[in-house]
């Protein structure tokens, strides 16, 4: 009787690759580039979105904690209520875009992290 082990292993590899592809397209491509937020923040105002990048810097001022998240398209301040992440770490953040103030053509855009 012939063994069917290579067929079972090959099928398991194919299933694993399909699962990996589904995970990648469902979670990895769902992130909005930071540069796109900065170009047109009104498009994303009050919408919960996900951004991804590397923590470039972090700061705590009195009751406000934020860190700067940077990707290859830009960087944005992320206001958080949780512990500040370490500088250099890569992470995904879910939250909302807010325009803090605008003076003439200059405006300060921040990303408010969801709990």
C-alpha atoms as a PDB file:
ATOM      1  CA  UNK A   1       0.000   0.000   0.000  1.00  0.00           C
ATOM      2  CA  UNK A   2       1.371   3.447  -0.950  1.00  0.00           C
ATOM      3  CA  UNK A   3       1.773   6.153   1.643  1.00  0.00           C
ATOM      4  CA  UNK A   4      -0.176   9.389   1.120  1.00  0.00           C
ATOM      5  CA  UNK A   5       2.045  11.431   3.452  1.00  0.00           C
ATOM      6  CA  UNK A   6       3.572  13.701   0.752  1.00  0.00           C
ATOM      7  CA  UNK A   7       0.074  14.562  -0.493  1.00  0.00           C
ATOM      8  CA  UNK A   8      -1.121  15.427   3.020  1.00  0.00           C
ATOM      9  CA  UNK A   9       1.970  17.564   3.712  1.00  0.00           C
ATOM     10  CA  UNK A  10       1.623  19.332   0.348  1.00  0.00           C
ATOM     11  CA  UNK A  11      -2.047  20.036   1.033  1.00  0.00           C
ATOM     12  CA  UNK A  12      -1.241  21.390   4.481  1.00  0.00           C
ATOM     13  CA  UNK A  13       1.392  23.718   2.990  1.00  0.00           C
ATOM     14  CA  UNK A  14      -1.087  25.013   0.410  1.00  0.00           C
ATOM     15  CA  UNK A  15      -3.734  25.628   3.094  1.00  0.00           C
ATOM     16  CA  UNK A  16      -1.149  27.455   5.245  1.00  0.00           C
ATOM     17  CA  UNK A  17      -0.105  29.657   2.305  1.00  0.00           C
ATOM     18  CA  UNK A  18      -3.730  30.520   1.537  1.00  0.00           C
ATOM     19  CA  UNK A  19      -4.351  31.395   5.199  1.00  0.00           C
ATOM     20  CA  UNK A  20      -1.236  33.594   5.220  1.00  0.00           C
ATOM     21  CA  UNK A  21      -2.391  35.397   2.057  1.00  0.00           C
ATOM     22  CA  UNK A  22      -5.858  36.022   3.522  1.00  0.00           C
ATOM     23  CA  UNK A  23      -4.315  37.344   6.750  1.00  0.00           C
ATOM     24  CA  UNK A  24      -1.946  39.642   4.824  1.00  0.00           C
ATOM     25  CA  UNK A  25      -4.629  41.178   2.630  1.00  0.00           C
ATOM     26  CA  UNK A  26      -7.181  41.464   5.448  1.00  0.00           C
ATOM     27  CA  UNK A  27      -4.906  43.043   8.049  1.00  0.00           C
ATOM     28  CA  UNK A  28      -1.737  44.330   6.431  1.00  0.00           C
ATOM     29  CA  UNK A  29      -3.196  46.204   3.482  1.00  0.00           C
ATOM     30  CA  UNK A  30      -5.983  47.759   5.573  1.00  0.00           C
ATOM     31  CA  UNK A  31      -3.598  50.414   6.911  1.00  0.00           C
ATOM     32  CA  UNK A  32      -3.794  53.988   5.666  1.00  0.00           C
ATOM     33  CA  UNK A  33      -0.460  55.618   4.737  1.00  0.00           C
ATOM     34  CA  UNK A  34       0.367  58.537   7.044  1.00  0.00           C
ATOM     35  CA  UNK A  35       1.135  60.788   4.063  1.00  0.00           C
ATOM     36  CA  UNK A  36      -2.410  60.262   2.781  1.00  0.00           C
ATOM     37  CA  UNK A  37      -3.790  61.450   6.144  1.00  0.00           C
ATOM     38  CA  UNK A  38      -1.642  64.564   6.075  1.00  0.00           C
ATOM     39  CA  UNK A  39      -2.583  65.444   2.484  1.00  0.00           C
ATOM     40  CA  UNK A  40      -6.319  65.404   3.148  1.00  0.00           C
ATOM     41  CA  UNK A  41      -7.148  65.070   6.868  1.00  0.00           C
ATOM     42  CA  UNK A  42     -10.785  66.110   6.348  1.00  0.00           C
ATOM     43  CA  UNK A  43     -11.365  62.898   4.363  1.00  0.00           C
ATOM     44  CA  UNK A  44     -10.556  60.862   7.484  1.00  0.00           C
ATOM     45  CA  UNK A  45     -12.052  63.140  10.176  1.00  0.00           C
ATOM     46  CA  UNK A  46     -14.065  61.113  12.738  1.00  0.00           C
ATOM     47  CA  UNK A  47     -13.408  57.805  10.940  1.00  0.00           C
ATOM     48  CA  UNK A  48     -11.667  55.007  12.798  1.00  0.00           C
ATOM     49  CA  UNK A  49      -8.684  53.898  10.733  1.00  0.00           C
ATOM     50  CA  UNK A  50      -5.413  52.043  11.234  1.00  0.00           C
ATOM     51  CA  UNK A  51      -1.944  53.415  10.578  1.00  0.00           C
ATOM     52  CA  UNK A  52       1.378  51.609  10.812  1.00  0.00           C
ATOM     53  CA  UNK A  53       4.927  52.778  11.260  1.00  0.00           C
ATOM     54  CA  UNK A  54       7.963  53.098  13.484  1.00  0.00           C
ATOM     55  CA  UNK A  55       8.060  55.141  16.674  1.00  0.00           C
ATOM     56  CA  UNK A  56      10.455  57.996  15.862  1.00  0.00           C
ATOM     57  CA  UNK A  57      10.154  59.903  19.142  1.00  0.00           C
ATOM     58  CA  UNK A  58       7.968  60.128  22.234  1.00  0.00           C
ATOM     59  CA  UNK A  59       6.969  62.831  24.679  1.00  0.00           C
ATOM     60  CA  UNK A  60       4.950  63.307  27.860  1.00  0.00           C
ATOM     61  CA  UNK A  61       3.783  66.840  28.660  1.00  0.00           C
ATOM     62  CA  UNK A  62       1.772  67.123  31.875  1.00  0.00           C
ATOM     63  CA  UNK A  63      -1.398  65.107  31.160  1.00  0.00           C
ATOM     64  CA  UNK A  64      -0.741  64.597  27.437  1.00  0.00           C
ATOM     65  CA  UNK A  65       1.320  61.687  26.152  1.00  0.00           C
ATOM     66  CA  UNK A  66       2.164  61.287  22.493  1.00  0.00           C
ATOM     67  CA  UNK A  67       4.641  59.659  20.191  1.00  0.00           C
ATOM     68  CA  UNK A  68       5.619  60.315  16.609  1.00  0.00           C
ATOM     69  CA  UNK A  69       4.797  57.470  14.255  1.00  0.00           C
ATOM     70  CA  UNK A  70       6.678  57.504  10.965  1.00  0.00           C
ATOM     71  CA  UNK A  71       6.253  55.484   7.772  1.00  0.00           C
ATOM     72  CA  UNK A  72       7.785  55.952   4.321  1.00  0.00           C
ATOM     73  CA  UNK A  73       5.109  58.564   3.434  1.00  0.00           C
ATOM     74  CA  UNK A  74       5.266  60.865   6.464  1.00  0.00           C
ATOM     75  CA  UNK A  75       4.993  61.170  10.225  1.00  0.00           C
ATOM     76  CA  UNK A  76       2.224  62.100  12.651  1.00  0.00           C
ATOM     77  CA  UNK A  77       1.833  62.688  16.390  1.00  0.00           C
ATOM     78  CA  UNK A  78      -0.194  59.935  18.048  1.00  0.00           C
ATOM     79  CA  UNK A  79      -1.894  60.963  21.284  1.00  0.00           C
ATOM     80  CA  UNK A  80      -2.329  58.028  23.651  1.00  0.00           C
ATOM     81  CA  UNK A  81      -3.608  57.214  27.143  1.00  0.00           C
ATOM     82  CA  UNK A  82      -1.594  54.025  27.467  1.00  0.00           C
ATOM     83  CA  UNK A  83       2.106  53.601  28.201  1.00  0.00           C
ATOM     84  CA  UNK A  84       4.364  55.170  25.591  1.00  0.00           C
ATOM     85  CA  UNK A  85       5.950  52.623  23.230  1.00  0.00           C
ATOM     86  CA  UNK A  86       9.723  52.344  22.965  1.00  0.00           C
ATOM     87  CA  UNK A  87      11.512  54.416  20.357  1.00  0.00           C
ATOM     88  CA  UNK A  88      12.262  52.375  17.223  1.00  0.00           C
ATOM     89  CA  UNK A  89       9.474  49.840  17.686  1.00  0.00           C
ATOM     90  CA  UNK A  90       7.158  49.145  14.731  1.00  0.00           C
ATOM     91  CA  UNK A  91       3.450  49.030  15.442  1.00  0.00           C
ATOM     92  CA  UNK A  92      -0.065  49.457  14.107  1.00  0.00           C
ATOM     93  CA  UNK A  93      -2.404  51.963  15.722  1.00  0.00           C
ATOM     94  CA  UNK A  94      -6.172  52.249  15.471  1.00  0.00           C
ATOM     95  CA  UNK A  95      -7.780  55.635  16.012  1.00  0.00           C
ATOM     96  CA  UNK A  96      -9.053  58.912  14.540  1.00  0.00           C
ATOM     97  CA  UNK A  97      -7.480  61.916  12.822  1.00  0.00           C
ATOM     98  CA  UNK A  98      -8.016  65.306  14.444  1.00  0.00           C
ATOM     99  CA  UNK A  99      -7.015  68.776  13.292  1.00  0.00           C
ATOM    100  CA  UNK A 100      -5.964  70.504  16.515  1.00  0.00           C
ATOM    101  CA  UNK A 101      -5.673  74.021  15.102  1.00  0.00           C
ATOM    102  CA  UNK A 102      -5.187  75.872  11.831  1.00  0.00           C
ATOM    103  CA  UNK A 103      -3.507  79.230  11.290  1.00  0.00           C
ATOM    104  CA  UNK A 104      -3.555  80.304   7.674  1.00  0.00           C
ATOM    105  CA  UNK A 105      -2.216  77.445   5.611  1.00  0.00           C
ATOM    106  CA  UNK A 106      -0.528  75.799   8.616  1.00  0.00           C
ATOM    107  CA  UNK A 107      -2.407  73.212  10.638  1.00  0.00           C
ATOM    108  CA  UNK A 108      -1.510  70.712  13.332  1.00  0.00           C
ATOM    109  CA  UNK A 109      -2.845  67.228  12.643  1.00  0.00           C
ATOM    110  CA  UNK A 110      -2.746  64.512  15.292  1.00  0.00           C
ATOM    111  CA  UNK A 111      -3.937  60.933  15.487  1.00  0.00           C
ATOM    112  CA  UNK A 112      -5.949  60.040  18.607  1.00  0.00           C
ATOM    113  CA  UNK A 113      -5.371  56.402  19.514  1.00  0.00           C
ATOM    114  CA  UNK A 114      -8.426  54.317  20.419  1.00  0.00           C
ATOM    115  CA  UNK A 115      -8.423  52.521  23.772  1.00  0.00           C
END
